[in-house]
């Protein structure tokens, strides 16, 4: 088994583990708050986690020189729009 396959399998195992623990946390959390509050908190935490990655993407030298005028604003507003659609759909 090569190194890439082993890394991919480890990432899949980590993903399944996180997903499994999230299911247990969701079941336990639903005993204390309603579904809308739970989803709101979940999406707020997800947004806070993704903000640093968006900031890194906007400032990364490999992408900064490729950006045309106005593309930074489109990226930010597109991110907000897609996140809002996902939130509304959930």
C-alpha atoms as a PDB file:
ATOM      1  CA  UNK A   1       0.000   0.000   0.000  1.00  0.00           C
ATOM      2  CA  UNK A   2       1.499   3.307  -1.014  1.00  0.00           C
ATOM      3  CA  UNK A   3       1.645   6.496   1.036  1.00  0.00           C
ATOM      4  CA  UNK A   4      -1.117   8.318  -0.885  1.00  0.00           C
ATOM      5  CA  UNK A   5      -3.585   5.449  -0.406  1.00  0.00           C
ATOM      6  CA  UNK A   6      -2.783   5.265   3.290  1.00  0.00           C
ATOM      7  CA  UNK A   7      -3.292   9.012   3.692  1.00  0.00           C
ATOM      8  CA  UNK A   8      -6.607   8.869   1.807  1.00  0.00           C
ATOM      9  CA  UNK A   9      -7.827   5.974   3.955  1.00  0.00           C
ATOM     10  CA  UNK A  10      -6.849   7.834   7.137  1.00  0.00           C
ATOM     11  CA  UNK A  11      -8.742  10.943   6.022  1.00  0.00           C
ATOM     12  CA  UNK A  12     -11.832   8.848   5.221  1.00  0.00           C
ATOM     13  CA  UNK A  13     -11.635   7.203   8.644  1.00  0.00           C
ATOM     14  CA  UNK A  14     -11.306  10.606  10.325  1.00  0.00           C
ATOM     15  CA  UNK A  15     -14.308  11.909   8.371  1.00  0.00           C
ATOM     16  CA  UNK A  16     -16.445   8.921   9.378  1.00  0.00           C
ATOM     17  CA  UNK A  17     -15.391   9.334  13.016  1.00  0.00           C
ATOM     18  CA  UNK A  18     -16.247  13.035  13.094  1.00  0.00           C
ATOM     19  CA  UNK A  19     -19.571  12.337  11.380  1.00  0.00           C
ATOM     20  CA  UNK A  20     -20.393   9.616  13.916  1.00  0.00           C
ATOM     21  CA  UNK A  21     -19.583  11.814  16.912  1.00  0.00           C
ATOM     22  CA  UNK A  22     -21.593  14.658  15.373  1.00  0.00           C
ATOM     23  CA  UNK A  23     -24.642  12.403  15.142  1.00  0.00           C
ATOM     24  CA  UNK A  24     -24.340  11.515  18.830  1.00  0.00           C
ATOM     25  CA  UNK A  25     -23.873  15.189  19.740  1.00  0.00           C
ATOM     26  CA  UNK A  26     -26.926  16.129  17.683  1.00  0.00           C
ATOM     27  CA  UNK A  27     -29.095  13.556  19.435  1.00  0.00           C
ATOM     28  CA  UNK A  28     -27.918  14.765  22.843  1.00  0.00           C
ATOM     29  CA  UNK A  29     -28.224  18.441  21.899  1.00  0.00           C
ATOM     30  CA  UNK A  30     -31.805  18.080  20.712  1.00  0.00           C
ATOM     31  CA  UNK A  31     -32.839  17.297  24.292  1.00  0.00           C
ATOM     32  CA  UNK A  32     -31.920  20.841  25.366  1.00  0.00           C
ATOM     33  CA  UNK A  33     -32.715  23.123  22.399  1.00  0.00           C
ATOM     34  CA  UNK A  34     -35.115  23.106  19.484  1.00  0.00           C
ATOM     35  CA  UNK A  35     -34.135  22.148  15.948  1.00  0.00           C
ATOM     36  CA  UNK A  36     -33.942  25.729  14.635  1.00  0.00           C
ATOM     37  CA  UNK A  37     -31.740  26.876  17.507  1.00  0.00           C
ATOM     38  CA  UNK A  38     -29.518  23.836  17.083  1.00  0.00           C
ATOM     39  CA  UNK A  39     -29.114  24.420  13.335  1.00  0.00           C
ATOM     40  CA  UNK A  40     -28.498  28.138  13.891  1.00  0.00           C
ATOM     41  CA  UNK A  41     -25.723  27.456  16.397  1.00  0.00           C
ATOM     42  CA  UNK A  42     -24.270  24.735  14.182  1.00  0.00           C
ATOM     43  CA  UNK A  43     -24.090  27.012  11.145  1.00  0.00           C
ATOM     44  CA  UNK A  44     -22.712  29.903  13.213  1.00  0.00           C
ATOM     45  CA  UNK A  45     -19.876  27.697  14.486  1.00  0.00           C
ATOM     46  CA  UNK A  46     -19.239  26.437  10.944  1.00  0.00           C
ATOM     47  CA  UNK A  47     -19.071  30.010   9.656  1.00  0.00           C
ATOM     48  CA  UNK A  48     -16.622  31.038  12.348  1.00  0.00           C
ATOM     49  CA  UNK A  49     -14.401  28.078  11.502  1.00  0.00           C
ATOM     50  CA  UNK A  50     -14.410  28.903   7.768  1.00  0.00           C
ATOM     51  CA  UNK A  51     -13.686  32.651   8.079  1.00  0.00           C
ATOM     52  CA  UNK A  52      -9.914  32.183   8.640  1.00  0.00           C
ATOM     53  CA  UNK A  53      -9.719  29.920   5.577  1.00  0.00           C
ATOM     54  CA  UNK A  54     -11.485  32.531   3.447  1.00  0.00           C
ATOM     55  CA  UNK A  55      -9.068  35.169   4.749  1.00  0.00           C
ATOM     56  CA  UNK A  56      -6.081  32.959   3.899  1.00  0.00           C
ATOM     57  CA  UNK A  57      -7.484  32.370   0.416  1.00  0.00           C
ATOM     58  CA  UNK A  58      -7.934  36.091  -0.198  1.00  0.00           C
ATOM     59  CA  UNK A  59      -4.375  36.876   0.909  1.00  0.00           C
ATOM     60  CA  UNK A  60      -2.524  33.886  -0.574  1.00  0.00           C
ATOM     61  CA  UNK A  61       0.089  35.069  -3.083  1.00  0.00           C
ATOM     62  CA  UNK A  62      -0.866  32.395  -5.624  1.00  0.00           C
ATOM     63  CA  UNK A  63      -4.386  33.832  -5.866  1.00  0.00           C
ATOM     64  CA  UNK A  64      -3.838  37.547  -5.263  1.00  0.00           C
ATOM     65  CA  UNK A  65      -2.076  38.132  -8.595  1.00  0.00           C
ATOM     66  CA  UNK A  66      -4.827  36.212 -10.460  1.00  0.00           C
ATOM     67  CA  UNK A  67      -7.657  38.326  -9.053  1.00  0.00           C
ATOM     68  CA  UNK A  68      -9.153  40.931 -11.327  1.00  0.00           C
ATOM     69  CA  UNK A  69     -10.843  44.080 -10.067  1.00  0.00           C
ATOM     70  CA  UNK A  70     -13.973  43.235  -8.106  1.00  0.00           C
ATOM     71  CA  UNK A  71     -13.336  39.494  -7.873  1.00  0.00           C
ATOM     72  CA  UNK A  72     -12.547  39.739  -4.147  1.00  0.00           C
ATOM     73  CA  UNK A  73     -15.979  41.217  -3.469  1.00  0.00           C
ATOM     74  CA  UNK A  74     -17.649  38.609  -5.675  1.00  0.00           C
ATOM     75  CA  UNK A  75     -15.868  35.842  -3.772  1.00  0.00           C
ATOM     76  CA  UNK A  76     -17.009  37.200  -0.411  1.00  0.00           C
ATOM     77  CA  UNK A  77     -20.609  37.843  -1.488  1.00  0.00           C
ATOM     78  CA  UNK A  78     -20.764  34.524  -3.309  1.00  0.00           C
ATOM     79  CA  UNK A  79     -19.624  32.775  -0.147  1.00  0.00           C
ATOM     80  CA  UNK A  80     -22.303  34.580   1.883  1.00  0.00           C
ATOM     81  CA  UNK A  81     -24.973  33.786  -0.716  1.00  0.00           C
ATOM     82  CA  UNK A  82     -24.156  30.086  -0.948  1.00  0.00           C
ATOM     83  CA  UNK A  83     -23.955  29.813   2.847  1.00  0.00           C
ATOM     84  CA  UNK A  84     -27.334  31.511   3.204  1.00  0.00           C
ATOM     85  CA  UNK A  85     -28.907  29.162   0.670  1.00  0.00           C
ATOM     86  CA  UNK A  86     -27.467  26.162   2.503  1.00  0.00           C
ATOM     87  CA  UNK A  87     -28.733  27.534   5.818  1.00  0.00           C
ATOM     88  CA  UNK A  88     -32.236  28.121   4.407  1.00  0.00           C
ATOM     89  CA  UNK A  89     -32.311  24.653   2.851  1.00  0.00           C
ATOM     90  CA  UNK A  90     -31.372  23.009   6.150  1.00  0.00           C
END
